Amino acid sequence: MTWLRYNGRVMKEMATGDLIVGVLAALGVVVLLVMFVYVVKQIILRKD
């Protein structure tokens, strides 16, 4: 987010890139959460 303040004149071009980065970050967080839940479920199932 710092490059947006640093380059005010390129803000319009970077807006789409920033959106893509935000979407990728959100997808990454979702994938990490799904993997975490999966691993926890596997550990619980193995204990039983």
N, C-alpha and C. Protein backbone atom coordinates (compact mmCIF):
# COMPACT_ATOMS: atom_id res chain seq x y z
N MET A 1 0.83 -1.20 0.00
CA MET A 1 0.00 0.00 0.00
C MET A 1 0.86 1.25 0.00
N THR A 2 2.13 1.12 0.32
CA THR A 2 2.99 2.31 0.43
C THR A 2 3.30 2.90 -0.94
N TRP A 3 3.36 2.05 -1.99
CA TRP A 3 3.72 2.56 -3.31
C TRP A 3 2.63 3.47 -3.87
N LEU A 4 1.39 3.30 -3.38
CA LEU A 4 0.31 4.17 -3.84
C LEU A 4 0.54 5.59 -3.36
N ARG A 5 1.01 5.76 -2.12
CA ARG A 5 1.29 7.10 -1.60
C ARG A 5 2.55 7.66 -2.24
N TYR A 6 3.50 6.76 -2.53
CA TYR A 6 4.78 7.20 -3.10
C TYR A 6 4.60 7.68 -4.53
N ASN A 7 3.85 6.95 -5.33
CA ASN A 7 3.61 7.33 -6.73
C ASN A 7 2.16 7.75 -6.91
N GLY A 8 1.87 9.01 -6.65
CA GLY A 8 0.50 9.49 -6.76
C GLY A 8 0.05 9.54 -8.21
N ARG A 9 0.99 9.82 -9.13
CA ARG A 9 0.61 9.98 -10.53
C ARG A 9 0.32 8.65 -11.19
N VAL A 10 0.84 7.55 -10.65
CA VAL A 10 0.63 6.23 -11.25
C VAL A 10 -0.49 5.49 -10.51
N MET A 11 -1.26 6.23 -9.70
CA MET A 11 -2.26 5.59 -8.85
C MET A 11 -3.32 4.87 -9.68
N LYS A 12 -3.76 5.47 -10.77
CA LYS A 12 -4.82 4.86 -11.57
C LYS A 12 -4.35 3.54 -12.18
N GLU A 13 -3.10 3.48 -12.63
CA GLU A 13 -2.58 2.25 -13.22
C GLU A 13 -2.38 1.17 -12.15
N MET A 14 -1.98 1.60 -10.96
CA MET A 14 -1.68 0.64 -9.91
C MET A 14 -2.95 0.15 -9.22
N ALA A 15 -4.09 0.83 -9.45
CA ALA A 15 -5.33 0.45 -8.77
C ALA A 15 -5.74 -0.97 -9.15
N THR A 16 -5.65 -1.32 -10.44
CA THR A 16 -6.02 -2.67 -10.88
C THR A 16 -5.04 -3.69 -10.31
N GLY A 17 -3.77 -3.35 -10.30
CA GLY A 17 -2.76 -4.25 -9.73
C GLY A 17 -3.00 -4.46 -8.25
N ASP A 18 -3.36 -3.38 -7.57
CA ASP A 18 -3.64 -3.47 -6.14
C ASP A 18 -4.86 -4.36 -5.89
N LEU A 19 -5.86 -4.25 -6.76
CA LEU A 19 -7.05 -5.09 -6.64
C LEU A 19 -6.69 -6.56 -6.82
N ILE A 20 -5.84 -6.84 -7.82
CA ILE A 20 -5.41 -8.22 -8.08
C ILE A 20 -4.64 -8.75 -6.87
N VAL A 21 -3.75 -7.91 -6.32
CA VAL A 21 -2.97 -8.33 -5.15
C VAL A 21 -3.91 -8.61 -3.98
N GLY A 22 -4.92 -7.77 -3.81
CA GLY A 22 -5.87 -7.97 -2.72
C GLY A 22 -6.65 -9.27 -2.88
N VAL A 23 -7.07 -9.55 -4.12
CA VAL A 23 -7.81 -10.79 -4.39
C VAL A 23 -6.93 -12.00 -4.14
N LEU A 24 -5.67 -11.93 -4.60
CA LEU A 24 -4.75 -13.05 -4.40
C LEU A 24 -4.48 -13.26 -2.92
N ALA A 25 -4.33 -12.16 -2.18
CA ALA A 25 -4.09 -12.27 -0.73
C ALA A 25 -5.29 -12.91 -0.04
N ALA A 26 -6.50 -12.50 -0.45
CA ALA A 26 -7.72 -13.07 0.15
C ALA A 26 -7.81 -14.57 -0.15
N LEU A 27 -7.50 -14.94 -1.41
CA LEU A 27 -7.53 -16.36 -1.78
C LEU A 27 -6.49 -17.14 -0.99
N GLY A 28 -5.32 -16.56 -0.81
CA GLY A 28 -4.26 -17.21 -0.04
C GLY A 28 -4.70 -17.47 1.39
N VAL A 29 -5.37 -16.46 2.00
CA VAL A 29 -5.85 -16.62 3.38
C VAL A 29 -6.90 -17.71 3.45
N VAL A 30 -7.80 -17.75 2.47
CA VAL A 30 -8.84 -18.78 2.45
C VAL A 30 -8.21 -20.17 2.32
N VAL A 31 -7.23 -20.29 1.43
CA VAL A 31 -6.56 -21.59 1.23
C VAL A 31 -5.86 -22.02 2.51
N LEU A 32 -5.18 -21.07 3.18
CA LEU A 32 -4.50 -21.40 4.43
C LEU A 32 -5.50 -21.85 5.49
N LEU A 33 -6.64 -21.17 5.57
CA LEU A 33 -7.66 -21.56 6.55
C LEU A 33 -8.18 -22.96 6.26
N VAL A 34 -8.45 -23.25 4.98
CA VAL A 34 -8.96 -24.58 4.60
C VAL A 34 -7.93 -25.66 4.93
N MET A 35 -6.67 -25.39 4.62
CA MET A 35 -5.61 -26.36 4.93
C MET A 35 -5.50 -26.58 6.43
N PHE A 36 -5.59 -25.48 7.21
CA PHE A 36 -5.49 -25.58 8.66
C PHE A 36 -6.62 -26.44 9.22
N VAL A 37 -7.85 -26.18 8.76
CA VAL A 37 -9.00 -26.96 9.22
C VAL A 37 -8.83 -28.43 8.84
N TYR A 38 -8.34 -28.67 7.61
CA TYR A 38 -8.15 -30.05 7.15
C TYR A 38 -7.14 -30.79 8.04
N VAL A 39 -6.02 -30.12 8.32
CA VAL A 39 -4.98 -30.75 9.15
C VAL A 39 -5.51 -31.02 10.55
N VAL A 40 -6.23 -30.06 11.11
CA VAL A 40 -6.79 -30.25 12.46
C VAL A 40 -7.77 -31.42 12.46
N LYS A 41 -8.61 -31.52 11.43
CA LYS A 41 -9.56 -32.64 11.35
C LYS A 41 -8.81 -33.96 11.24
N GLN A 42 -7.74 -33.99 10.46
CA GLN A 42 -6.96 -35.23 10.32
C GLN A 42 -6.36 -35.64 11.65
N ILE A 43 -5.85 -34.66 12.42
CA ILE A 43 -5.24 -34.97 13.72
C ILE A 43 -6.30 -35.51 14.68
N ILE A 44 -7.49 -34.88 14.67
CA ILE A 44 -8.57 -35.33 15.55
C ILE A 44 -9.02 -36.75 15.17
N LEU A 45 -9.11 -37.01 13.85
CA LEU A 45 -9.56 -38.33 13.40
C LEU A 45 -8.52 -39.40 13.76
N ARG A 46 -7.23 -39.05 13.68
CA ARG A 46 -6.19 -40.04 14.00
C ARG A 46 -6.18 -40.37 15.48
N LYS A 47 -6.54 -39.40 16.33
CA LYS A 47 -6.56 -39.66 17.77
C LYS A 47 -7.66 -40.63 18.13
N ASP A 48 -8.76 -40.62 17.39
CA ASP A 48 -9.91 -41.48 17.71
C ASP A 48 -9.64 -42.94 17.40
